[in-house]
C-alpha atoms as a PDB file:
ATOM      1  CA  UNK A   1     192.938  20.331 165.053  1.00  0.00           C
ATOM      2  CA  UNK A   2     189.731  18.272 165.327  1.00  0.00           C
ATOM      3  CA  UNK A   3     190.625  15.942 162.414  1.00  0.00           C
ATOM      4  CA  UNK A   4     193.961  15.203 164.078  1.00  0.00           C
ATOM      5  CA  UNK A   5     192.220  14.423 167.375  1.00  0.00           C
ATOM      6  CA  UNK A   6     189.813  12.166 165.511  1.00  0.00           C
ATOM      7  CA  UNK A   7     192.689  10.252 163.959  1.00  0.00           C
ATOM      8  CA  UNK A   8     194.425   9.811 167.311  1.00  0.00           C
ATOM      9  CA  UNK A   9     191.200   8.419 168.765  1.00  0.00           C
ATOM     10  CA  UNK A  10     190.823   6.059 165.806  1.00  0.00           C
ATOM     11  CA  UNK A  11     194.354   4.737 166.316  1.00  0.00           C
ATOM     12  CA  UNK A  12     193.802   4.294 170.054  1.00  0.00           C
ATOM     13  CA  UNK A  13     190.669   2.283 169.290  1.00  0.00           C
ATOM     14  CA  UNK A  14     192.509   0.209 166.709  1.00  0.00           C
ATOM     15  CA  UNK A  15     195.378  -0.569 169.092  1.00  0.00           C
ATOM     16  CA  UNK A  16     192.998  -1.432 171.950  1.00  0.00           C
ATOM     17  CA  UNK A  17     191.017  -3.860 169.790  1.00  0.00           C
ATOM     18  CA  UNK A  18     194.210  -5.473 168.485  1.00  0.00           C
ATOM     19  CA  UNK A  19     195.355  -5.990 172.080  1.00  0.00           C
ATOM     20  CA  UNK A  20     192.017  -7.677 172.956  1.00  0.00           C
ATOM     21  CA  UNK A  21     190.905  -4.896 175.292  1.00  0.00           C
ATOM     22  CA  UNK A  22     188.309  -2.966 173.229  1.00  0.00           C
ATOM     23  CA  UNK A  23     187.344   0.332 174.817  1.00  0.00           C
ATOM     24  CA  UNK A  24     190.379   0.411 177.096  1.00  0.00           C
ATOM     25  CA  UNK A  25     193.576   2.181 176.102  1.00  0.00           C
ATOM     26  CA  UNK A  26     197.004   1.976 177.677  1.00  0.00           C
ATOM     27  CA  UNK A  27     198.655   5.011 176.046  1.00  0.00           C
ATOM     28  CA  UNK A  28     202.243   3.875 176.601  1.00  0.00           C
ATOM     29  CA  UNK A  29     201.431   0.824 174.461  1.00  0.00           C
ATOM     30  CA  UNK A  30     198.916   2.318 172.060  1.00  0.00           C
ATOM     31  CA  UNK A  31     200.319   5.662 170.910  1.00  0.00           C
ATOM     32  CA  UNK A  32     202.988   4.529 168.454  1.00  0.00           C
ATOM     33  CA  UNK A  33     200.680   4.492 165.427  1.00  0.00           C
ATOM     34  CA  UNK A  34     199.115   7.808 166.386  1.00  0.00           C
ATOM     35  CA  UNK A  35     202.588   9.380 166.506  1.00  0.00           C
ATOM     36  CA  UNK A  36     202.980   8.659 162.809  1.00  0.00           C
ATOM     37  CA  UNK A  37     200.066  10.982 162.071  1.00  0.00           C
ATOM     38  CA  UNK A  38     200.779  13.714 164.622  1.00  0.00           C
ATOM     39  CA  UNK A  39     204.507  13.819 163.914  1.00  0.00           C
ATOM     40  CA  UNK A  40     205.616  13.588 167.553  1.00  0.00           C
ATOM     41  CA  UNK A  41     204.675  12.075 170.907  1.00  0.00           C
ATOM     42  CA  UNK A  42     204.175  15.557 172.362  1.00  0.00           C
ATOM     43  CA  UNK A  43     201.584  16.450 169.726  1.00  0.00           C
ATOM     44  CA  UNK A  44     199.894  13.113 170.354  1.00  0.00           C
ATOM     45  CA  UNK A  45     199.722  13.843 174.069  1.00  0.00           C
ATOM     46  CA  UNK A  46     198.266  17.262 173.356  1.00  0.00           C
ATOM     47  CA  UNK A  47     195.571  15.546 171.316  1.00  0.00           C
ATOM     48  CA  UNK A  48     194.932  13.186 174.242  1.00  0.00           C
ATOM     49  CA  UNK A  49     194.437  16.129 176.594  1.00  0.00           C
ATOM     50  CA  UNK A  50     191.940  17.693 174.201  1.00  0.00           C
ATOM     51  CA  UNK A  51     190.098  14.386 173.902  1.00  0.00           C
ATOM     52  CA  UNK A  52     189.885  14.156 177.697  1.00  0.00           C
ATOM     53  CA  UNK A  53     188.627  17.735 178.019  1.00  0.00           C
ATOM     54  CA  UNK A  54     185.912  17.040 175.456  1.00  0.00           C
ATOM     55  CA  UNK A  55     184.834  13.815 177.210  1.00  0.00           C
ATOM     56  CA  UNK A  56     185.798  11.619 174.272  1.00  0.00           C
ATOM     57  CA  UNK A  57     188.447   9.895 176.407  1.00  0.00           C
ATOM     58  CA  UNK A  58     187.982   9.122 180.118  1.00  0.00           C
ATOM     59  CA  UNK A  59     191.187   9.007 182.156  1.00  0.00           C
ATOM     60  CA  UNK A  60     191.142   6.403 184.931  1.00  0.00           C
ATOM     61  CA  UNK A  61     194.688   6.781 186.180  1.00  0.00           C
ATOM     62  CA  UNK A  62     198.109   7.355 184.709  1.00  0.00           C
ATOM     63  CA  UNK A  63     198.495   5.289 181.535  1.00  0.00           C
ATOM     64  CA  UNK A  64     194.951   3.937 181.602  1.00  0.00           C
ATOM     65  CA  UNK A  65     191.845   5.407 179.959  1.00  0.00           C
ATOM     66  CA  UNK A  66     188.427   4.378 178.712  1.00  0.00           C
ATOM     67  CA  UNK A  67     187.133   5.174 175.231  1.00  0.00           C
ATOM     68  CA  UNK A  68     183.351   5.807 175.122  1.00  0.00           C
ATOM     69  CA  UNK A  69     181.493   4.206 172.232  1.00  0.00           C
ATOM     70  CA  UNK A  70     180.328   6.078 169.145  1.00  0.00           C
ATOM     71  CA  UNK A  71     177.230   7.347 170.968  1.00  0.00           C
ATOM     72  CA  UNK A  72     179.256   8.600 173.930  1.00  0.00           C
ATOM     73  CA  UNK A  73     178.219   5.774 176.284  1.00  0.00           C
ATOM     74  CA  UNK A  74     180.752   4.266 178.671  1.00  0.00           C
ATOM     75  CA  UNK A  75     180.405   0.499 178.297  1.00  0.00           C
ATOM     76  CA  UNK A  76     183.500  -0.570 180.246  1.00  0.00           C
ATOM     77  CA  UNK A  77     182.923  -2.020 183.721  1.00  0.00           C
ATOM     78  CA  UNK A  78     185.350  -2.028 186.635  1.00  0.00           C
ATOM     79  CA  UNK A  79     186.268  -5.746 186.320  1.00  0.00           C
ATOM     80  CA  UNK A  80     187.269  -5.127 182.679  1.00  0.00           C
ATOM     81  CA  UNK A  81     189.844  -2.570 183.854  1.00  0.00           C
ATOM     82  CA  UNK A  82     191.110  -4.927 186.542  1.00  0.00           C
ATOM     83  CA  UNK A  83     191.598  -7.600 183.888  1.00  0.00           C
ATOM     84  CA  UNK A  84     193.851  -5.202 181.973  1.00  0.00           C
ATOM     85  CA  UNK A  85     196.013  -3.860 184.820  1.00  0.00           C
ATOM     86  CA  UNK A  86     196.253  -6.789 187.258  1.00  0.00           C
ATOM     87  CA  UNK A  87     199.289  -9.072 186.945  1.00  0.00           C
ATOM     88  CA  UNK A  88     198.691 -12.793 186.680  1.00  0.00           C
ATOM     89  CA  UNK A  89     197.524 -14.545 188.708  1.00  0.00           C
ATOM     90  CA  UNK A  90     194.910 -12.323 190.347  1.00  0.00           C
ATOM     91  CA  UNK A  91     191.639 -12.905 192.166  1.00  0.00           C
ATOM     92  CA  UNK A  92     188.641 -10.606 192.644  1.00  0.00           C
ATOM     93  CA  UNK A  93     187.228 -11.727 195.972  1.00  0.00           C
ATOM     94  CA  UNK A  94     185.253 -10.480 198.959  1.00  0.00           C
ATOM     95  CA  UNK A  95     181.986  -8.631 198.579  1.00  0.00           C
ATOM     96  CA  UNK A  96     182.284  -8.039 194.848  1.00  0.00           C
ATOM     97  CA  UNK A  97     182.617 -11.779 194.254  1.00  0.00           C
ATOM     98  CA  UNK A  98     179.573 -12.487 196.428  1.00  0.00           C
ATOM     99  CA  UNK A  99     177.700  -9.811 194.509  1.00  0.00           C
ATOM    100  CA  UNK A 100     178.837 -11.319 191.198  1.00  0.00           C
ATOM    101  CA  UNK A 101     177.355 -14.680 192.223  1.00  0.00           C
ATOM    102  CA  UNK A 102     174.103 -13.131 193.514  1.00  0.00           C
ATOM    103  CA  UNK A 103     174.862 -14.241 197.069  1.00  0.00           C
ATOM    104  CA  UNK A 104     174.189 -10.825 198.586  1.00  0.00           C
ATOM    105  CA  UNK A 105     171.847  -7.940 197.936  1.00  0.00           C
ATOM    106  CA  UNK A 106     174.460  -5.486 199.215  1.00  0.00           C
ATOM    107  CA  UNK A 107     176.287  -3.304 196.701  1.00  0.00           C
ATOM    108  CA  UNK A 108     179.979  -2.971 197.525  1.00  0.00           C
ATOM    109  CA  UNK A 109     181.749   0.214 196.454  1.00  0.00           C
ATOM    110  CA  UNK A 110     185.192  -1.261 197.107  1.00  0.00           C
ATOM    111  CA  UNK A 111     186.601  -4.167 195.109  1.00  0.00           C
ATOM    112  CA  UNK A 112     189.255  -6.355 196.754  1.00  0.00           C
ATOM    113  CA  UNK A 113     191.799  -7.996 194.465  1.00  0.00           C
ATOM    114  CA  UNK A 114     194.610 -10.379 195.424  1.00  0.00           C
ATOM    115  CA  UNK A 115     197.745  -9.914 193.315  1.00  0.00           C
ATOM    116  CA  UNK A 116     201.295 -11.334 193.463  1.00  0.00           C
ATOM    117  CA  UNK A 117     203.063  -7.938 193.499  1.00  0.00           C
ATOM    118  CA  UNK A 118     202.356  -4.354 194.435  1.00  0.00           C
ATOM    119  CA  UNK A 119     200.043  -2.442 192.145  1.00  0.00           C
ATOM    120  CA  UNK A 120     198.443   0.935 192.755  1.00  0.00           C
ATOM    121  CA  UNK A 121     194.702   0.998 193.272  1.00  0.00           C
ATOM    122  CA  UNK A 122     192.365   3.350 191.464  1.00  0.00           C
ATOM    123  CA  UNK A 123     188.853   4.767 191.416  1.00  0.00           C
ATOM    124  CA  UNK A 124     186.403   4.391 188.576  1.00  0.00           C
ATOM    125  CA  UNK A 125     182.892   5.810 188.424  1.00  0.00           C
ATOM    126  CA  UNK A 126     182.674   6.215 192.188  1.00  0.00           C
ATOM    127  CA  UNK A 127     184.097   2.791 193.066  1.00  0.00           C
ATOM    128  CA  UNK A 128     187.474   1.941 194.559  1.00  0.00           C
ATOM    129  CA  UNK A 129     189.792  -0.913 193.626  1.00  0.00           C
ATOM    130  CA  UNK A 130     192.149  -2.117 196.353  1.00  0.00           C
ATOM    131  CA  UNK A 131     194.960  -4.535 195.497  1.00  0.00           C
ATOM    132  CA  UNK A 132     196.410  -6.734 198.252  1.00  0.00           C
ATOM    133  CA  UNK A 133     199.701  -8.560 197.746  1.00  0.00           C
ATOM    134  CA  UNK A 134     199.566 -12.290 198.407  1.00  0.00           C
ATOM    135  CA  UNK A 135     201.850 -15.217 197.703  1.00  0.00           C
ATOM    136  CA  UNK A 136     201.237 -16.716 194.291  1.00  0.00           C
ATOM    137  CA  UNK A 137     200.215 -20.021 195.845  1.00  0.00           C
ATOM    138  CA  UNK A 138     197.451 -18.182 197.744  1.00  0.00           C
ATOM    139  CA  UNK A 139     195.882 -16.799 194.582  1.00  0.00           C
ATOM    140  CA  UNK A 140     193.577 -19.506 193.285  1.00  0.00           C
ATOM    141  CA  UNK A 141     189.909 -20.377 193.027  1.00  0.00           C
ATOM    142  CA  UNK A 142     188.448 -18.301 190.224  1.00  0.00           C
ATOM    143  CA  UNK A 143     185.413 -19.199 188.199  1.00  0.00           C
ATOM    144  CA  UNK A 144     186.824 -19.462 184.675  1.00  0.00           C
ATOM    145  CA  UNK A 145     189.886 -21.656 185.067  1.00  0.00           C
ATOM    146  CA  UNK A 146     192.972 -22.277 187.139  1.00  0.00           C
ATOM    147  CA  UNK A 147     196.703 -21.904 186.779  1.00  0.00           C
ATOM    148  CA  UNK A 148     198.976 -18.836 186.945  1.00  0.00           C
ATOM    149  CA  UNK A 149     199.836 -19.134 183.264  1.00  0.00           C
ATOM    150  CA  UNK A 150     196.205 -18.965 182.189  1.00  0.00           C
ATOM    151  CA  UNK A 151     194.663 -15.631 181.264  1.00  0.00           C
ATOM    152  CA  UNK A 152     190.968 -16.265 181.006  1.00  0.00           C
ATOM    153  CA  UNK A 153     188.838 -14.138 178.668  1.00  0.00           C
ATOM    154  CA  UNK A 154     186.674 -12.975 181.566  1.00  0.00           C
ATOM    155  CA  UNK A 155     187.611 -11.169 184.808  1.00  0.00           C
ATOM    156  CA  UNK A 156     188.709 -13.668 187.451  1.00  0.00           C
ATOM    157  CA  UNK A 157     186.071 -13.620 190.181  1.00  0.00           C
ATOM    158  CA  UNK A 158     186.513 -15.956 193.135  1.00  0.00           C
ATOM    159  CA  UNK A 159     184.186 -18.930 193.191  1.00  0.00           C
ATOM    160  CA  UNK A 160     181.399 -18.680 195.799  1.00  0.00           C
ATOM    161  CA  UNK A 161     183.239 -21.017 198.170  1.00  0.00           C
ATOM    162  CA  UNK A 162     186.542 -19.146 197.906  1.00  0.00           C
ATOM    163  CA  UNK A 163     184.851 -15.775 198.456  1.00  0.00           C
ATOM    164  CA  UNK A 164     183.027 -17.087 201.538  1.00  0.00           C
ATOM    165  CA  UNK A 165     186.202 -18.601 202.975  1.00  0.00           C
ATOM    166  CA  UNK A 166     188.036 -15.306 202.432  1.00  0.00           C
ATOM    167  CA  UNK A 167     185.424 -13.115 204.107  1.00  0.00           C
ATOM    168  CA  UNK A 168     185.136 -15.447 207.091  1.00  0.00           C
ATOM    169  CA  UNK A 169     188.911 -15.511 207.497  1.00  0.00           C
ATOM    170  CA  UNK A 170     189.601 -11.767 207.695  1.00  0.00           C
ATOM    171  CA  UNK A 171     187.852  -8.421 208.043  1.00  0.00           C
ATOM    172  CA  UNK A 172     189.962  -6.761 205.319  1.00  0.00           C
ATOM    173  CA  UNK A 173     187.478  -7.889 202.671  1.00  0.00           C
ATOM    174  CA  UNK A 174     184.864  -5.492 204.015  1.00  0.00           C
ATOM    175  CA  UNK A 175     182.041  -8.018 204.342  1.00  0.00           C
ATOM    176  CA  UNK A 176     180.072  -8.154 207.573  1.00  0.00           C
ATOM    177  CA  UNK A 177     179.615 -11.411 209.426  1.00  0.00           C
ATOM    178  CA  UNK A 178     175.875 -11.359 208.732  1.00  0.00           C
ATOM    179  CA  UNK A 179     176.454 -11.008 204.995  1.00  0.00           C
ATOM    180  CA  UNK A 180     178.981 -13.867 205.037  1.00  0.00           C
ATOM    181  CA  UNK A 181     176.629 -16.227 206.885  1.00  0.00           C
ATOM    182  CA  UNK A 182     173.706 -15.354 204.635  1.00  0.00           C
ATOM    183  CA  UNK A 183     175.876 -15.974 201.557  1.00  0.00           C
ATOM    184  CA  UNK A 184     176.928 -19.380 202.936  1.00  0.00           C
ATOM    185  CA  UNK A 185     173.346 -20.410 203.608  1.00  0.00           C
ATOM    186  CA  UNK A 186     172.150 -19.181 200.219  1.00  0.00           C
ATOM    187  CA  UNK A 187     174.935 -20.934 198.313  1.00  0.00           C
ATOM    188  CA  UNK A 188     174.310 -24.262 200.063  1.00  0.00           C
ATOM    189  CA  UNK A 189     170.555 -24.089 199.517  1.00  0.00           C
ATOM    190  CA  UNK A 190     171.066 -23.240 195.860  1.00  0.00           C
ATOM    191  CA  UNK A 191     173.590 -26.002 195.078  1.00  0.00           C
ATOM    192  CA  UNK A 192     173.426 -29.450 196.652  1.00  0.00           C
ATOM    193  CA  UNK A 193     177.147 -29.955 195.942  1.00  0.00           C
ATOM    194  CA  UNK A 194     178.246 -26.661 197.466  1.00  0.00           C
ATOM    195  CA  UNK A 195     179.330 -28.034 200.840  1.00  0.00           C
ATOM    196  CA  UNK A 196     181.572 -30.537 199.046  1.00  0.00           C
ATOM    197  CA  UNK A 197     183.183 -27.693 197.099  1.00  0.00           C
ATOM    198  CA  UNK A 198     183.444 -25.658 200.300  1.00  0.00           C
ATOM    199  CA  UNK A 199     185.240 -28.504 202.076  1.00  0.00           C
ATOM    200  CA  UNK A 200     187.801 -28.768 199.255  1.00  0.00           C
ATOM    201  CA  UNK A 201     188.299 -25.005 199.373  1.00  0.00           C
ATOM    202  CA  UNK A 202     188.839 -24.956 203.141  1.00  0.00           C
ATOM    203  CA  UNK A 203     191.318 -27.810 202.799  1.00  0.00           C
ATOM    204  CA  UNK A 204     193.301 -25.952 200.144  1.00  0.00           C
ATOM    205  CA  UNK A 205     193.111 -22.689 202.112  1.00  0.00           C
ATOM    206  CA  UNK A 206     195.006 -24.499 204.845  1.00  0.00           C
ATOM    207  CA  UNK A 207     194.198 -22.359 207.901  1.00  0.00           C
ATOM    208  CA  UNK A 208     192.853 -24.141 210.974  1.00  0.00           C
ATOM    209  CA  UNK A 209     191.210 -20.975 212.352  1.00  0.00           C
ATOM    210  CA  UNK A 210     189.168 -20.566 209.186  1.00  0.00           C
ATOM    211  CA  UNK A 211     188.307 -24.277 209.129  1.00  0.00           C
ATOM    212  CA  UNK A 212     186.964 -23.937 212.673  1.00  0.00           C
ATOM    213  CA  UNK A 213     184.741 -20.992 211.798  1.00  0.00           C
ATOM    214  CA  UNK A 214     183.398 -22.622 208.651  1.00  0.00           C
ATOM    215  CA  UNK A 215     182.926 -25.987 210.362  1.00  0.00           C
ATOM    216  CA  UNK A 216     180.959 -24.480 213.216  1.00  0.00           C
ATOM    217  CA  UNK A 217     178.708 -22.564 210.817  1.00  0.00           C
ATOM    218  CA  UNK A 218     178.059 -25.655 208.714  1.00  0.00           C
ATOM    219  CA  UNK A 219     177.318 -27.565 211.910  1.00  0.00           C
ATOM    220  CA  UNK A 220     174.831 -24.981 213.171  1.00  0.00           C
ATOM    221  CA  UNK A 221     173.178 -24.339 209.808  1.00  0.00           C
ATOM    222  CA  UNK A 222     173.125 -27.815 208.230  1.00  0.00           C
ATOM    223  CA  UNK A 223     173.765 -30.331 210.994  1.00  0.00           C
ATOM    224  CA  UNK A 224     176.615 -32.363 212.444  1.00  0.00           C
ATOM    225  CA  UNK A 225     176.719 -34.911 209.622  1.00  0.00           C
ATOM    226  CA  UNK A 226     177.313 -32.183 207.051  1.00  0.00           C
ATOM    227  CA  UNK A 227     179.997 -30.656 209.276  1.00  0.00           C
ATOM    228  CA  UNK A 228     181.776 -33.920 210.136  1.00  0.00           C
ATOM    229  CA  UNK A 229     184.294 -33.816 207.222  1.00  0.00           C
ATOM    230  CA  UNK A 230     185.471 -30.368 208.366  1.00  0.00           C
ATOM    231  CA  UNK A 231     186.619 -31.650 211.769  1.00  0.00           C
ATOM    232  CA  UNK A 232     189.831 -33.147 210.415  1.00  0.00           C
ATOM    233  CA  UNK A 233     190.905 -29.651 209.312  1.00  0.00           C
ATOM    234  CA  UNK A 234     190.630 -27.775 212.638  1.00  0.00           C
ATOM    235  CA  UNK A 235     194.103 -28.505 213.973  1.00  0.00           C
ATOM    236  CA  UNK A 236     195.243 -29.703 217.386  1.00  0.00           C
ATOM    237  CA  UNK A 237     195.848 -26.483 219.307  1.00  0.00           C
ATOM    238  CA  UNK A 238     193.232 -25.741 221.938  1.00  0.00           C
ATOM    239  CA  UNK A 239     193.146 -21.937 222.125  1.00  0.00           C
ATOM    240  CA  UNK A 240     189.769 -20.898 220.736  1.00  0.00           C
ATOM    241  CA  UNK A 241     189.434 -18.483 217.825  1.00  0.00           C
ATOM    242  CA  UNK A 242     186.801 -15.795 217.409  1.00  0.00           C
ATOM    243  CA  UNK A 243     183.851 -16.654 215.221  1.00  0.00           C
ATOM    244  CA  UNK A 244     183.498 -13.032 214.120  1.00  0.00           C
ATOM    245  CA  UNK A 245     187.064 -11.841 213.652  1.00  0.00           C
ATOM    246  CA  UNK A 246     186.333  -8.215 214.564  1.00  0.00           C
ATOM    247  CA  UNK A 247     184.201  -9.088 217.586  1.00  0.00           C
ATOM    248  CA  UNK A 248     184.973  -9.237 221.294  1.00  0.00           C
ATOM    249  CA  UNK A 249     186.127 -12.226 223.345  1.00  0.00           C
ATOM    250  CA  UNK A 250     182.747 -12.415 225.019  1.00  0.00           C
ATOM    251  CA  UNK A 251     180.687 -15.485 224.314  1.00  0.00           C
ATOM    252  CA  UNK A 252     180.549 -19.216 224.993  1.00  0.00           C
ATOM    253  CA  UNK A 253     183.257 -21.483 223.633  1.00  0.00           C
ATOM    254  CA  UNK A 254     182.173 -24.357 221.417  1.00  0.00           C
ATOM    255  CA  UNK A 255     184.163 -27.341 222.704  1.00  0.00           C
ATOM    256  CA  UNK A 256     184.009 -29.247 219.404  1.00  0.00           C
ATOM    257  CA  UNK A 257     185.237 -26.471 217.137  1.00  0.00           C
ATOM    258  CA  UNK A 258     187.219 -24.419 219.685  1.00  0.00           C
ATOM    259  CA  UNK A 259     185.480 -21.236 218.630  1.00  0.00           C
ATOM    260  CA  UNK A 260     184.314 -18.302 220.756  1.00  0.00           C
ATOM    261  CA  UNK A 261     180.734 -17.761 219.602  1.00  0.00           C
ATOM    262  CA  UNK A 262     180.716 -13.964 219.701  1.00  0.00           C
ATOM    263  CA  UNK A 263     177.966 -13.584 217.065  1.00  0.00           C
ATOM    264  CA  UNK A 264     174.592 -15.111 216.289  1.00  0.00           C
ATOM    265  CA  UNK A 265     174.820 -17.736 213.551  1.00  0.00           C
ATOM    266  CA  UNK A 266     171.135 -17.626 212.566  1.00  0.00           C
ATOM    267  CA  UNK A 267     171.132 -15.628 209.285  1.00  0.00           C
ATOM    268  CA  UNK A 268     167.967 -13.679 210.168  1.00  0.00           C
ATOM    269  CA  UNK A 269     169.470 -12.717 213.533  1.00  0.00           C
ATOM    270  CA  UNK A 270     173.218 -12.530 212.930  1.00  0.00           C
ATOM    271  CA  UNK A 271     174.991  -9.577 214.470  1.00  0.00           C
ATOM    272  CA  UNK A 272     176.912  -7.176 212.289  1.00  0.00           C
END
């Protein structure tokens, strides 16, 4: 049966390349040609099981598998799989985006992805993908283009500013406060236009609590003149918000930004 298995693998490869996802097979879409050679879908599926047992096909989850190259190496990365399964628009954000932009030396084993509808997460090579449903108008800010109708050729990682705004806004992204502050400082020191991009991002994000946190950090790290444009975005309500969203209510309140300073904002001394 080996020649038959070989032919099924060839047809899976052919279908994957035709669909612009080389090395990644979606059997429900890719098996039609293989059925012509096996004689039935059941025989094709039997061949798939044998290919998986022999390591020539790596199952990721139901209806998704990776095809090793001719030498047996797995060349597909996690973002490549996300690009195949995630509905448009989607956004890879949080720690993985910071890591992608070299704004952290931390390796994150969980990838956070914003999507417009429910999709089941999966594990791949020891790493977890978690999909969070968000409104379509909240899914924006990736590196390679904009617009829900646009499928870019590369996985859609959040820009540095969008990733930083996300991780400062909520703990669900799995990035500590110290990592977020360090990423902000690094990005601004690396790019003289970063604070301008960050301001535009905060404005589009449209949450006063996040604008307060970001504004205070910019103020403390880069001075009041750099932070001045952020003040128009902090809203009119007076109740202070927590600087570190998972922290306690203990700490002084900054009267300008209406933020409870419950963490140290000096990158070398920030509290986790």
